[in-house]
Protein backbone atom coordinates (compact mmCIF):
# COMPACT_ATOMS: atom_id res chain seq x y z
CA MET A 1 68.72 87.38 115.96
CA LEU A 2 70.93 89.74 113.96
CA PRO A 3 71.54 93.26 115.20
CA LYS A 4 69.02 95.83 113.79
CA THR A 5 72.02 97.80 112.27
CA ILE A 6 72.82 95.04 110.24
CA TYR A 7 69.50 93.54 109.58
CA TYR A 8 67.36 96.36 108.41
CA PRO A 9 69.77 98.06 106.01
CA PHE A 10 70.34 94.54 104.28
CA LEU A 11 66.55 93.93 104.11
CA VAL A 12 66.04 97.15 102.24
CA ALA A 13 68.89 96.17 99.86
CA VAL A 14 67.15 92.68 99.41
CA ILE A 15 63.77 94.32 98.42
CA THR A 16 65.50 96.73 96.14
CA LEU A 17 67.18 93.75 94.35
CA SER A 18 64.18 91.40 94.59
CA ASN A 19 61.97 90.27 91.86
CA ILE A 20 60.23 93.58 91.60
CA THR A 21 62.64 95.05 89.25
CA ASP A 22 60.34 97.40 87.40
CA ALA A 23 60.64 100.84 88.58
CA SER A 24 57.00 101.97 87.81
CA ALA A 25 55.72 98.86 89.53
CA LYS A 26 57.50 99.69 92.73
CA GLU A 27 56.15 103.18 92.61
CA ASN A 28 52.67 101.69 92.12
CA MET A 29 52.87 99.41 95.11
CA SER A 30 50.45 100.16 97.94
CA ASP A 31 51.75 100.32 101.59
CA ALA A 32 49.94 96.90 102.12
CA GLN A 33 51.70 95.39 99.09
CA ARG A 34 55.05 96.63 100.21
CA LYS A 35 54.43 95.31 103.78
CA GLU A 36 53.53 92.05 102.43
CA VAL A 37 56.94 91.83 100.22
CA GLU A 38 58.79 92.94 103.29
CA ALA A 39 57.26 90.24 105.35
CA VAL A 40 58.04 87.58 102.94
CA VAL A 41 61.64 88.78 102.60
CA GLN A 42 62.04 88.98 106.36
CA ASP A 43 60.54 85.39 106.74
CA TYR A 44 62.98 84.05 104.12
CA ILE A 45 66.05 85.48 105.80
CA LEU A 46 65.00 84.39 109.19
CA LYS A 47 64.51 80.94 107.95
CA ASN A 48 67.93 81.06 105.90
CA PRO A 49 70.29 83.33 107.97
CA GLU A 50 73.15 81.94 106.02
CA VAL A 51 72.06 84.01 103.00
CA LEU A 52 72.45 87.15 104.94
CA MET A 53 75.84 86.15 106.33
CA ARG A 54 76.99 85.30 102.79
CA ALA A 55 76.00 88.68 101.55
CA ILE A 56 77.72 90.53 104.37
CA GLN A 57 80.93 88.41 103.72
CA THR A 58 80.67 89.18 100.15
CA TYR A 59 80.34 92.89 100.75
CA GLN A 60 83.23 92.88 103.13
CA ILE A 61 85.45 91.27 100.66
CA LYS A 62 84.58 93.82 98.03
CA MET A 63 85.25 96.72 100.38
CA GLN A 64 88.59 95.35 101.28
CA ALA A 65 89.61 94.87 97.70
CA GLU A 66 88.41 98.47 96.84
CA LYS A 67 90.40 99.69 99.75
CA ARG A 68 93.52 97.96 98.71
CA ASN A 69 93.25 99.15 95.18
CA GLN A 70 92.89 102.75 96.52
CA ALA A 71 95.90 102.28 98.74
CA ARG A 72 97.93 101.16 95.71
CA LYS A 73 96.78 104.26 93.70
CA ASN A 74 97.72 106.52 96.67
CA LEU A 75 100.98 104.90 96.92
CA THR A 76 101.98 106.19 93.41
CA ASN A 77 100.54 109.79 94.28
CA LEU A 78 102.45 109.91 97.68
CA THR A 79 106.08 109.15 96.53
CA SER A 80 107.27 112.69 97.39
CA GLU A 81 105.59 113.04 100.66
CA LEU A 82 106.81 109.58 101.68
CA SER A 83 110.46 109.86 100.34
CA TYR A 84 111.33 113.60 100.80
CA ASN A 85 109.42 115.05 103.60
CA VAL A 86 111.97 117.29 105.52
CA GLY A 87 110.82 116.09 108.99
CA SER A 88 111.56 112.58 108.25
CA PRO A 89 114.93 111.09 109.58
CA VAL A 90 117.10 109.68 106.84
CA ILE A 91 119.98 107.17 107.33
CA GLY A 92 122.20 105.16 105.00
CA ASN A 93 123.15 107.04 101.90
CA PRO A 94 121.31 110.29 101.52
CA ALA A 95 122.06 110.07 97.73
CA GLY A 96 121.29 106.45 97.30
CA ASN A 97 119.69 105.35 94.19
CA VAL A 98 117.02 103.45 95.94
CA THR A 99 114.75 104.71 98.83
CA ILE A 100 113.31 102.37 101.54
CA VAL A 101 110.75 103.93 103.58
CA GLU A 102 109.81 102.07 107.03
CA PHE A 103 106.82 102.93 109.18
CA PHE A 104 107.67 101.62 112.68
CA ASP A 105 107.18 101.75 116.49
CA TYR A 106 109.76 101.59 119.11
CA ARG A 107 107.52 99.27 121.18
CA CYS A 108 106.89 96.92 118.17
CA GLY A 109 108.53 93.47 118.68
CA TYR A 110 108.49 92.83 114.90
CA CYS A 111 110.24 96.17 114.39
CA LYS A 112 112.87 95.21 116.93
CA ARG A 113 113.40 91.77 115.39
CA VAL A 114 113.86 93.12 111.75
CA PHE A 115 116.12 96.15 112.83
CA PRO A 116 119.45 93.94 112.69
CA THR A 117 118.34 92.88 109.12
CA ILE A 118 118.24 96.52 108.18
CA GLN A 119 121.57 97.48 109.77
CA ALA A 120 123.24 94.49 107.80
CA LEU A 121 121.46 95.55 104.62
CA LEU A 122 122.77 99.23 104.99
CA GLU A 123 126.22 97.90 105.66
CA GLU A 124 126.13 95.49 102.58
CA ASP A 125 124.63 97.93 100.14
CA GLY A 126 125.89 101.48 100.50
CA ASN A 127 123.42 102.86 97.82
CA ILE A 128 120.35 102.78 99.76
CA ARG A 129 118.67 105.91 101.09
CA TYR A 130 116.54 104.82 104.12
CA VAL A 131 113.74 107.06 105.46
CA LEU A 132 112.17 106.50 108.93
CA LYS A 133 108.60 107.16 109.64
CA GLU A 134 107.82 107.19 113.26
CA LEU A 135 104.45 105.65 113.64
CA PRO A 136 103.64 105.32 117.57
CA ILE A 137 100.65 103.20 117.69
CA LEU A 138 101.26 101.09 120.71
CA GLY A 139 100.42 103.58 123.46
CA PRO A 140 101.78 106.61 125.25
CA ASP A 141 105.42 105.18 125.69
CA SER A 142 105.53 104.68 122.00
CA LEU A 143 104.37 108.40 121.50
CA PHE A 144 107.00 109.45 123.98
CA ALA A 145 109.87 107.65 122.33
CA SER A 146 108.86 108.75 118.84
CA GLN A 147 108.78 112.47 120.07
CA ALA A 148 112.09 112.15 121.87
CA ALA A 149 113.80 110.45 118.76
CA LEU A 150 112.30 113.41 116.51
CA ALA A 151 113.55 115.88 118.86
CA VAL A 152 117.19 114.24 118.62
CA TRP A 153 116.87 114.38 114.84
CA ASN A 154 115.89 118.21 114.96
CA THR A 155 118.71 119.23 117.44
CA THR A 156 121.44 116.68 116.74
CA PRO A 157 120.69 114.63 113.65
CA GLU A 158 124.09 112.86 113.59
CA GLN A 159 123.05 111.29 117.02
CA TYR A 160 119.75 110.11 115.75
CA LEU A 161 120.90 106.65 114.45
CA PRO A 162 122.64 105.76 117.68
CA PHE A 163 119.69 106.84 119.75
CA HIS A 164 117.30 105.06 117.34
CA ALA A 165 119.39 101.95 117.56
CA ALA A 166 119.56 101.98 121.23
CA LEU A 167 115.70 102.32 121.51
CA MET A 168 115.35 99.43 119.09
CA ALA A 169 117.65 97.33 121.21
CA SER A 170 115.95 98.12 124.33
CA ARG A 171 113.86 95.35 125.98
CA GLY A 172 111.06 95.55 128.48
CA SER A 173 109.30 98.78 129.26
CA LEU A 174 110.25 101.90 127.35
CA ASN A 175 108.93 104.78 129.72
CA ALA A 176 110.19 108.28 129.89
CA GLU A 177 112.72 107.47 132.65
CA LYS A 178 114.39 104.76 130.49
CA ILE A 179 114.39 106.82 127.35
CA PHE A 180 116.28 109.67 129.01
CA THR A 181 118.54 107.26 130.57
CA ILE A 182 119.49 106.03 127.03
CA ALA A 183 119.82 109.54 125.78
CA GLU A 184 122.16 110.54 128.56
CA ASP A 185 124.19 107.31 128.12
CA LEU A 186 124.72 108.59 124.54
CA GLY A 187 125.88 112.14 125.77
CA LEU A 188 122.66 113.76 124.72
CA ASP A 189 121.25 116.81 126.49
CA LYS A 190 118.02 115.90 128.34
CA ILE A 191 116.85 119.45 128.53
CA ALA A 192 117.19 120.22 124.79
CA ILE A 193 115.34 116.99 124.09
CA THR A 194 112.57 117.71 126.38
CA LYS A 195 112.24 121.12 124.90
CA ASN A 196 112.21 120.24 121.33
CA MET A 197 109.68 117.34 122.01
CA LYS A 198 107.14 120.02 122.30
CA ASN A 199 108.05 121.57 118.99
CA GLU A 200 105.26 121.97 116.41
CA SER A 201 107.49 120.20 113.80
CA VAL A 202 107.57 117.09 115.96
CA ASN A 203 103.78 116.69 116.07
CA ASN A 204 103.35 117.77 112.43
CA GLU A 205 105.61 114.96 111.42
CA LEU A 206 103.68 112.37 113.55
CA ASN A 207 100.48 113.51 112.26
CA LYS A 208 101.54 113.37 108.70
CA ASN A 209 102.95 109.98 109.27
CA ALA A 210 99.50 108.85 110.66
CA GLU A 211 97.77 110.32 107.68
CA LEU A 212 100.13 108.74 105.27
CA SER A 213 99.63 105.23 107.10
CA GLU A 214 95.85 105.58 106.74
CA ARG A 215 95.81 106.51 103.11
CA LEU A 216 98.05 103.47 102.41
CA ASP A 217 95.91 101.21 104.69
CA ILE A 218 98.92 100.39 106.93
CA THR A 219 97.43 99.00 110.14
CA GLY A 220 100.39 97.72 111.82
CA THR A 221 104.28 98.04 112.06
CA PRO A 222 106.78 97.59 110.50
CA ALA A 223 105.52 98.35 107.04
CA PHE A 224 108.19 98.84 104.24
CA ILE A 225 107.78 100.70 100.97
CA ILE A 226 110.51 100.29 98.20
CA GLY A 227 109.55 101.75 94.86
CA ASP A 228 105.89 100.89 94.11
CA GLN A 229 105.88 97.91 96.55
CA LEU A 230 104.41 97.98 99.99
CA SER A 231 105.39 95.08 102.19
CA PRO A 232 103.99 94.89 105.77
CA GLY A 233 105.50 92.97 108.55
CA ALA A 234 109.18 91.91 109.52
CA VAL A 235 110.52 91.10 106.02
CA SER A 236 113.41 88.76 105.44
CA MET A 237 116.74 89.93 104.08
CA GLN A 238 115.89 87.91 100.75
CA GLU A 239 112.52 89.73 100.50
CA ILE A 240 113.89 93.10 100.99
CA LYS A 241 116.64 92.52 98.50
CA ARG A 242 114.13 91.37 96.03
CA MET A 243 112.17 94.59 96.38
CA VAL A 244 115.42 96.63 96.13
CA ALA A 245 116.43 94.70 92.88
CA LEU A 246 113.07 95.52 91.40
CA ALA A 247 113.02 99.03 92.32
CA ARG A 248 116.38 99.50 90.69
CA LYS A 249 115.17 98.09 87.48
CA GLY A 250 112.66 100.90 87.45
């Protein structure tokens, strides 16, 4: 038996869309007639449950398509917030003629896998402005790492990329002790980082990134935005170059 939360709303929809299409006829139905129709529909669905499942699947597909369409519209409207938010770290060429935006998590294996590709791309193409959107979705350690990285960006921005690269290169657990060990190995001030991690600007950036990811229907990391294109997952060098070329054409 299907759950009532699915069955009864659908039953109402079936009755509404049944052969009783004339509004006045519906209004003139007695309670007894209405119950009789409901009984017929219920009996049909119980004997043919695949009809209900097909309807649910069709509805889900429709909702997903509408969500994707809305995300595409949002992408166009959010260009400034994605590319030029003052709290987001920027690497590569700050004056580059193409901006790449990446949503990532330091504990994401796919983010770590694609990182060498990004490094190679930025070395090869000196005209790319690269914006990093911290999106810690994999638990408390991810959140701590993102807070620490943004604290480095706020206090010593020239050290953000080495710290970012070291976190991306790390393997295994990524707890606070390990994060601070990485920071100290780079000559960073643990006390300054700890203090700045509590700064309102850090949480504002993370909250904004979470909001943007929701409006763009980004459900995992990494996710790349280049021009008017959004590509989820660990993209290949060939694919990211294709997207860059399209963005340059305008």
